[in-house]
Amino acid sequence: MNTLIALAIAPVGTGEELSKHVAEVVKVIRESGLPSKTNSMFTEIEGDWDDVMAVVKRATFVLAEKGIRTEVVLKADIRPGYSDMMQGKLDRLNEAMDDKPPSVESRVRNAVGRFGGRR
């Protein structure tokens, strides 16, 4: 079943700068071959549930196997019948934002016109 997850894996207790450890995690995710996108807070991964969760496990244990306490934050969207959700959700959002609702002035003019007033 197609799954889109937002995932943050971070070491705990390793100091102030985490980028070196996070880079190890993201490398595992990118090498998985699954579609992924990383931003400043999360990495999104999309694919079959079992495949995605196997990547989550490998990425988590890259730090844990070194004896590093590891924090995982995961949010999943399982939507049967959909694929390419990582981009599709953004496309639908952008399309909805282009459909601007009518202004208050426009709604008032239309309402007055329907009730026999002047336009």
Protein backbone atom coordinates (compact mmCIF):
# COMPACT_ATOMS: atom_id res chain seq x y z
CA MET A 1 0.00 0.00 0.00
CA ASN A 2 1.45 3.37 -1.00
CA THR A 3 2.68 5.34 2.00
CA LEU A 4 4.06 8.84 2.40
CA ILE A 5 5.95 9.57 5.59
CA ALA A 6 7.58 12.61 7.10
CA LEU A 7 10.50 11.48 9.19
CA ALA A 8 12.98 13.12 11.52
CA ILE A 9 15.76 11.00 13.01
CA ALA A 10 18.22 12.76 15.29
CA PRO A 11 20.86 11.86 17.86
CA VAL A 12 20.34 12.83 21.46
CA GLY A 13 23.20 13.91 23.72
CA THR A 14 25.84 14.36 21.03
CA GLY A 15 26.31 18.10 21.32
CA GLU A 16 24.86 21.17 19.74
CA GLU A 17 25.57 20.49 16.05
CA LEU A 18 23.71 17.48 14.65
CA SER A 19 24.30 17.79 10.91
CA LYS A 20 27.09 15.19 10.72
CA HIS A 21 24.88 12.52 12.30
CA VAL A 22 21.78 13.56 10.37
CA ALA A 23 23.80 13.35 7.14
CA GLU A 24 24.46 9.66 7.86
CA VAL A 25 20.73 9.08 8.26
CA VAL A 26 19.77 10.96 5.10
CA LYS A 27 22.43 9.07 3.12
CA VAL A 28 20.76 5.76 4.03
CA ILE A 29 17.39 7.13 2.94
CA ARG A 30 18.68 8.45 -0.39
CA GLU A 31 20.55 5.24 -1.14
CA SER A 32 17.30 3.29 -0.69
CA GLY A 33 16.12 4.30 -4.14
CA LEU A 34 12.71 5.34 -2.83
CA PRO A 35 11.48 8.83 -3.73
CA SER A 36 12.55 11.20 -0.98
CA LYS A 37 12.84 14.89 -0.28
CA THR A 38 14.74 16.51 2.58
CA ASN A 39 14.06 19.92 4.07
CA SER A 40 15.38 21.63 7.20
CA MET A 41 13.14 19.68 9.59
CA PHE A 42 12.04 16.40 7.96
CA THR A 43 12.71 13.97 5.17
CA GLU A 44 9.71 12.68 3.24
CA ILE A 45 9.83 9.15 1.84
CA GLU A 46 7.23 7.54 -0.41
CA GLY A 47 6.68 3.93 -1.38
CA ASP A 48 5.12 0.66 -0.32
CA TRP A 49 4.57 0.48 3.47
CA ASP A 50 6.99 -2.40 4.00
CA ASP A 51 9.70 -0.78 1.86
CA VAL A 52 9.35 2.59 3.59
CA MET A 53 9.40 1.09 7.06
CA ALA A 54 12.48 -1.00 6.21
CA VAL A 55 14.27 2.24 5.25
CA VAL A 56 13.10 3.89 8.48
CA LYS A 57 14.56 1.00 10.45
CA ARG A 58 17.91 1.08 8.60
CA ALA A 59 18.14 4.86 8.92
CA THR A 60 17.35 4.73 12.64
CA PHE A 61 19.84 2.01 13.41
CA VAL A 62 22.69 3.80 11.61
CA LEU A 63 22.99 5.87 14.78
CA ALA A 64 21.64 3.44 17.37
CA GLU A 65 24.15 0.76 16.37
CA LYS A 66 26.91 3.23 17.26
CA GLY A 67 25.50 3.47 20.77
CA ILE A 68 23.92 6.86 20.13
CA ARG A 69 20.55 7.52 21.73
CA THR A 70 18.26 8.18 18.77
CA GLU A 71 14.99 10.11 18.59
CA VAL A 72 12.51 9.33 15.80
CA VAL A 73 9.50 11.46 14.82
CA LEU A 74 7.33 9.92 12.13
CA LYS A 75 4.06 10.94 10.52
CA ALA A 76 2.48 8.62 7.93
CA ASP A 77 -0.19 9.17 5.29
CA ILE A 78 -1.56 5.89 3.92
CA ARG A 79 -3.96 6.64 1.09
CA PRO A 80 -5.20 3.62 -0.90
CA GLY A 81 -5.43 4.14 -4.63
CA TYR A 82 -3.00 7.08 -4.74
CA SER A 83 0.61 7.31 -5.82
CA ASP A 84 3.05 10.19 -6.27
CA MET A 85 1.57 11.81 -3.16
CA MET A 86 4.77 13.71 -2.37
CA GLN A 87 4.24 15.92 -5.43
CA GLY A 88 0.52 15.38 -5.92
CA LYS A 89 -0.40 16.89 -2.56
CA LEU A 90 1.58 20.02 -3.41
CA ASP A 91 0.00 20.24 -6.86
CA ARG A 92 -3.50 20.03 -5.37
CA LEU A 93 -2.64 22.62 -2.71
CA ASN A 94 -1.24 25.05 -5.28
CA GLU A 95 -4.28 24.52 -7.50
CA ALA A 96 -6.60 25.26 -4.56
CA MET A 97 -4.66 28.43 -3.75
CA ASP A 98 -5.19 29.66 -7.32
CA ASP A 99 -8.96 29.30 -6.84
CA LYS A 100 -9.35 32.46 -4.82
CA PRO A 101 -12.76 33.01 -3.26
CA PRO A 102 -14.69 36.05 -4.48
CA SER A 103 -14.02 39.27 -2.59
CA VAL A 104 -16.52 40.60 -0.05
CA GLU A 105 -17.40 43.43 -2.44
CA SER A 106 -18.10 40.99 -5.23
CA ARG A 107 -20.31 38.82 -3.00
CA VAL A 108 -22.29 41.87 -1.81
CA ARG A 109 -22.83 43.08 -5.41
CA ASN A 110 -24.03 39.64 -6.45
CA ALA A 111 -26.36 39.32 -3.43
CA VAL A 112 -27.87 42.78 -3.99
CA GLY A 113 -28.35 41.97 -7.67
CA ARG A 114 -30.20 38.74 -6.88
CA PHE A 115 -32.66 40.58 -4.64
CA GLY A 116 -33.59 43.25 -7.15
CA GLY A 117 -31.19 45.98 -6.10
CA ARG A 118 -28.85 47.92 -8.34
CA ARG A 119 -25.56 46.49 -9.51
